[in-house]
Amino acid sequence: MDLKKLKKTWDKLEAKELDEGQLRQMHHKKTNNLIERIDRNIRIGFVILFVLIIVFALDDFIFSPLMIQDVGDNFAMPKWLLFLSAFSNTLIFTTFIYFVIKYYKVKRSCDIVCNLEETLIKIIDTLKIYQRLFYLAVITLLIAMGSAFITGWYKGLQTVMQEQGLIFSEVPPDKLITPILMWLGILILFMGGVFLLLRWGFRRLYGNYINKLKLTLKELQEIDE
């Protein structure tokens, strides 16, 4: 028997010797450790979100207007696109604030009246709600980014063609297929990369703890049975 198997067998033997009170105490400590990590990650999330909002705001109101000026004086970013971008940024920030308020409200109330199982259930539900809201905000953000990309590409191409005395509708379709596919591929790669990055960040900060809290809750329920 190797060392890992021996340790696993020893842990099982120790678990059998523990009474229900000791097991509950162990799970209470485990839950507190998980909650402390979530608290820490909320603070990290605040910093990351603050940086992202600043970057998005700088892009909307400084970098993008400067790029538009380079394209030409006749080109202007549509107001609906600026509204969509601002809405997506606001939605991301609002969902996070909602999660923080609800999470600490649950935590504070459960410190007074909830038992361990109720605390776990409420925190898991809060994290799951935030997970849904987070992905909704991410989808909105990607729609805004995709719309800005497509609109900017189309308006830029249209402006260049007008300067050269060409009409967009008169250009043969076969001349447009290659650049359209190329830019579409860049867009898909960019948006896919942003989505995967944000999803990875969410799982690192909060998502993985949903499964850990569920496992702890299941173990507690097995003790009651």
Protein backbone atom coordinates (compact mmCIF):
# COMPACT_ATOMS: atom_id res chain seq x y z
CA MET A 1 0.00 0.00 0.00
CA ASP A 2 1.49 3.37 -1.03
CA LEU A 3 1.57 6.45 1.17
CA LYS A 4 -1.48 8.14 -0.43
CA LYS A 5 -3.70 5.06 0.03
CA LEU A 6 -2.48 4.63 3.60
CA LYS A 7 -3.28 8.26 4.41
CA LYS A 8 -6.72 7.95 2.81
CA THR A 9 -7.50 4.82 4.84
CA TRP A 10 -6.27 6.50 8.04
CA ASP A 11 -8.47 9.53 7.39
CA LYS A 12 -11.50 7.27 7.01
CA LEU A 13 -10.72 5.51 10.27
CA GLU A 14 -10.36 8.85 12.06
CA ALA A 15 -13.67 10.08 10.62
CA LYS A 16 -15.48 7.01 12.01
CA GLU A 17 -14.20 7.77 15.50
CA LEU A 18 -15.53 11.34 15.46
CA ASP A 19 -18.95 11.99 16.94
CA GLU A 20 -21.63 14.17 15.35
CA GLY A 21 -20.64 17.26 17.33
CA GLN A 22 -17.02 17.02 16.24
CA LEU A 23 -18.03 16.52 12.62
CA ARG A 24 -20.28 19.57 12.76
CA GLN A 25 -17.48 21.59 14.31
CA MET A 26 -15.15 20.53 11.50
CA HIS A 27 -17.71 21.53 8.87
CA HIS A 28 -18.36 24.82 10.64
CA LYS A 29 -14.66 25.61 10.52
CA LYS A 30 -14.50 24.55 6.86
CA THR A 31 -17.47 26.80 6.04
CA ASN A 32 -15.90 29.75 7.85
CA ASN A 33 -12.70 29.26 5.86
CA LEU A 34 -14.66 29.26 2.60
CA ILE A 35 -16.59 32.38 3.62
CA GLU A 36 -13.34 34.14 4.56
CA ARG A 37 -11.96 33.34 1.10
CA ILE A 38 -15.14 34.65 -0.53
CA ASP A 39 -14.83 37.85 1.54
CA ARG A 40 -11.24 38.23 0.35
CA ASN A 41 -12.23 37.62 -3.26
CA ILE A 42 -15.01 40.22 -3.01
CA ARG A 43 -12.35 42.80 -2.13
CA ILE A 44 -10.23 41.60 -5.05
CA GLY A 45 -13.31 41.74 -7.28
CA PHE A 46 -13.90 45.37 -6.28
CA VAL A 47 -10.39 46.31 -7.41
CA ILE A 48 -10.63 44.38 -10.69
CA LEU A 49 -14.07 45.78 -11.46
CA PHE A 50 -12.94 49.33 -10.69
CA VAL A 51 -10.00 48.97 -13.08
CA LEU A 52 -12.23 47.49 -15.81
CA ILE A 53 -14.79 50.27 -15.49
CA ILE A 54 -12.01 52.89 -15.81
CA VAL A 55 -10.60 51.13 -18.89
CA PHE A 56 -14.05 50.88 -20.52
CA ALA A 57 -14.83 54.51 -19.71
CA LEU A 58 -11.49 55.69 -21.14
CA ASP A 59 -12.14 53.66 -24.27
CA ASP A 60 -15.67 55.07 -24.73
CA PHE A 61 -14.86 58.73 -24.09
CA ILE A 62 -11.15 59.17 -24.95
CA PHE A 63 -9.55 56.42 -27.04
CA SER A 64 -12.48 55.73 -29.39
CA PRO A 65 -13.09 59.45 -30.16
CA LEU A 66 -9.37 59.86 -30.93
CA MET A 67 -9.48 56.90 -33.32
CA ILE A 68 -12.61 58.31 -34.94
CA GLN A 69 -10.84 61.63 -35.56
CA ASP A 70 -8.10 59.75 -37.41
CA VAL A 71 -10.69 58.12 -39.66
CA GLY A 72 -12.23 61.40 -40.76
CA ASP A 73 -14.32 64.38 -39.75
CA ASN A 74 -17.46 62.93 -41.34
CA PHE A 75 -17.44 59.85 -39.13
CA ALA A 76 -19.19 59.98 -35.75
CA MET A 77 -19.96 57.20 -33.31
CA PRO A 78 -23.74 56.60 -33.16
CA LYS A 79 -25.33 57.72 -29.92
CA TRP A 80 -27.15 54.41 -29.49
CA LEU A 81 -23.80 52.65 -29.50
CA LEU A 82 -22.46 54.89 -26.74
CA PHE A 83 -25.65 54.28 -24.77
CA LEU A 84 -25.31 50.51 -25.20
CA SER A 85 -21.69 50.60 -24.06
CA ALA A 86 -22.53 52.73 -21.01
CA PHE A 87 -25.48 50.45 -20.21
CA SER A 88 -23.32 47.31 -20.32
CA ASN A 89 -20.71 48.89 -18.03
CA THR A 90 -23.41 50.04 -15.62
CA LEU A 91 -24.99 46.58 -15.64
CA ILE A 92 -21.71 44.89 -14.72
CA PHE A 93 -21.14 47.32 -11.86
CA THR A 94 -24.76 47.13 -10.66
CA THR A 95 -24.87 43.33 -10.60
CA PHE A 96 -21.69 43.22 -8.53
CA ILE A 97 -22.98 45.79 -6.04
CA TYR A 98 -26.27 43.86 -5.79
CA PHE A 99 -24.35 40.65 -5.07
CA VAL A 100 -22.18 42.28 -2.40
CA ILE A 101 -25.17 43.85 -0.62
CA LYS A 102 -27.20 40.62 -0.72
CA TYR A 103 -24.24 38.47 0.32
CA TYR A 104 -23.34 40.55 3.36
CA LYS A 105 -27.03 40.88 4.29
CA VAL A 106 -27.35 37.08 4.28
CA LYS A 107 -24.10 36.66 6.16
CA ARG A 108 -25.01 39.24 8.81
CA SER A 109 -28.51 37.83 9.39
CA CYS A 110 -27.26 34.25 9.53
CA ASP A 111 -24.64 35.16 12.11
CA ILE A 112 -27.59 35.93 14.40
CA VAL A 113 -30.42 33.51 13.66
CA CYS A 114 -29.36 30.92 11.03
CA ASN A 115 -27.83 27.54 11.66
CA LEU A 116 -24.96 26.24 9.52
CA GLU A 117 -27.18 24.50 6.94
CA GLU A 118 -29.35 27.59 6.43
CA THR A 119 -26.25 29.75 6.08
CA LEU A 120 -24.83 27.46 3.40
CA ILE A 121 -28.11 27.28 1.49
CA LYS A 122 -28.57 31.07 1.48
CA ILE A 123 -24.98 31.80 0.48
CA ILE A 124 -25.13 29.19 -2.31
CA ASP A 125 -28.39 30.71 -3.60
CA THR A 126 -26.83 34.20 -3.49
CA LEU A 127 -23.77 33.06 -5.43
CA LYS A 128 -25.95 31.28 -8.02
CA ILE A 129 -28.08 34.40 -8.53
CA TYR A 130 -24.96 36.48 -9.01
CA GLN A 131 -23.61 33.89 -11.44
CA ARG A 132 -26.70 34.29 -13.65
CA LEU A 133 -26.58 38.09 -13.41
CA PHE A 134 -22.85 38.10 -14.16
CA TYR A 135 -23.23 36.10 -17.37
CA LEU A 136 -26.15 38.32 -18.40
CA ALA A 137 -23.92 41.37 -17.91
CA VAL A 138 -21.07 39.69 -19.83
CA ILE A 139 -23.39 38.87 -22.76
CA THR A 140 -24.58 42.49 -22.81
CA LEU A 141 -20.97 43.68 -22.76
CA LEU A 142 -20.04 41.38 -25.65
CA ILE A 143 -23.04 42.59 -27.66
CA ALA A 144 -21.93 46.18 -27.08
CA MET A 145 -18.34 45.39 -28.04
CA GLY A 146 -19.41 43.44 -31.12
CA SER A 147 -21.79 46.20 -32.23
CA ALA A 148 -19.06 48.82 -31.78
CA PHE A 149 -16.59 46.70 -33.75
CA ILE A 150 -18.97 46.05 -36.65
CA THR A 151 -20.24 49.64 -36.76
CA GLY A 152 -16.73 51.07 -36.63
CA TRP A 153 -15.52 48.73 -39.38
CA TYR A 154 -18.50 49.46 -41.62
CA LYS A 155 -18.41 53.23 -41.12
CA GLY A 156 -14.65 53.33 -41.57
CA LEU A 157 -14.83 51.31 -44.80
CA GLN A 158 -17.68 53.47 -46.06
CA THR A 159 -15.73 56.66 -45.32
CA VAL A 160 -12.61 55.41 -47.11
CA MET A 161 -14.64 54.37 -50.17
CA GLN A 162 -16.39 57.74 -50.31
CA GLU A 163 -13.03 59.52 -50.22
CA GLN A 164 -11.97 57.39 -53.19
CA GLY A 165 -15.19 58.15 -55.06
CA LEU A 166 -16.60 54.63 -54.71
CA ILE A 167 -20.11 53.57 -53.72
CA PHE A 168 -20.41 50.69 -51.28
CA SER A 169 -23.44 49.17 -52.99
CA GLU A 170 -21.61 49.03 -56.34
CA VAL A 171 -18.65 47.02 -55.05
CA PRO A 172 -18.80 43.39 -56.27
CA PRO A 173 -19.67 40.97 -53.43
CA ASP A 174 -16.66 38.77 -54.16
CA LYS A 175 -14.41 41.74 -53.36
CA LEU A 176 -15.95 42.05 -49.91
CA ILE A 177 -16.11 38.40 -48.86
CA THR A 178 -12.43 38.08 -47.93
CA PRO A 179 -12.17 41.23 -45.74
CA ILE A 180 -15.55 40.51 -44.13
CA LEU A 181 -14.52 36.96 -43.22
CA MET A 182 -11.15 38.17 -41.95
CA TRP A 183 -12.64 40.85 -39.68
CA LEU A 184 -15.42 38.49 -38.59
CA GLY A 185 -12.79 35.95 -37.55
CA ILE A 186 -10.90 38.62 -35.59
CA LEU A 187 -14.16 39.65 -33.91
CA ILE A 188 -15.03 36.07 -32.93
CA LEU A 189 -11.54 35.44 -31.54
CA PHE A 190 -11.55 38.70 -29.61
CA MET A 191 -15.02 38.25 -28.12
CA GLY A 192 -14.35 34.59 -27.38
CA GLY A 193 -11.13 35.53 -25.60
CA VAL A 194 -12.89 38.20 -23.52
CA PHE A 195 -15.67 35.76 -22.57
CA LEU A 196 -13.24 33.01 -21.57
CA LEU A 197 -11.14 35.47 -19.58
CA LEU A 198 -14.14 36.85 -17.67
CA ARG A 199 -15.54 33.35 -17.08
CA TRP A 200 -12.17 32.17 -15.77
CA GLY A 201 -11.97 35.18 -13.47
CA PHE A 202 -15.48 34.58 -12.12
CA ARG A 203 -14.77 30.91 -11.46
CA ARG A 204 -11.53 31.74 -9.69
CA LEU A 205 -13.15 34.36 -7.49
CA TYR A 206 -16.58 32.85 -6.81
CA GLY A 207 -17.65 29.95 -9.04
CA ASN A 208 -15.43 27.27 -7.53
CA TYR A 209 -16.79 28.06 -4.06
CA ILE A 210 -20.33 27.19 -5.13
CA ASN A 211 -19.30 23.55 -5.60
CA LYS A 212 -17.27 23.52 -2.39
CA LEU A 213 -20.16 24.95 -0.39
CA LYS A 214 -22.55 22.45 -1.99
CA LEU A 215 -20.23 19.60 -0.99
CA THR A 216 -20.06 20.87 2.58
CA LEU A 217 -23.86 21.17 2.71
CA LYS A 218 -24.25 17.63 1.38
CA GLU A 219 -21.89 16.28 4.05
CA LEU A 220 -23.85 18.08 6.77
CA GLN A 221 -27.12 16.67 5.48
CA GLU A 222 -25.61 13.19 5.51
CA ILE A 223 -24.70 13.67 9.18
CA ASP A 224 -28.35 14.53 9.96
CA GLU A 225 -29.48 11.39 8.20
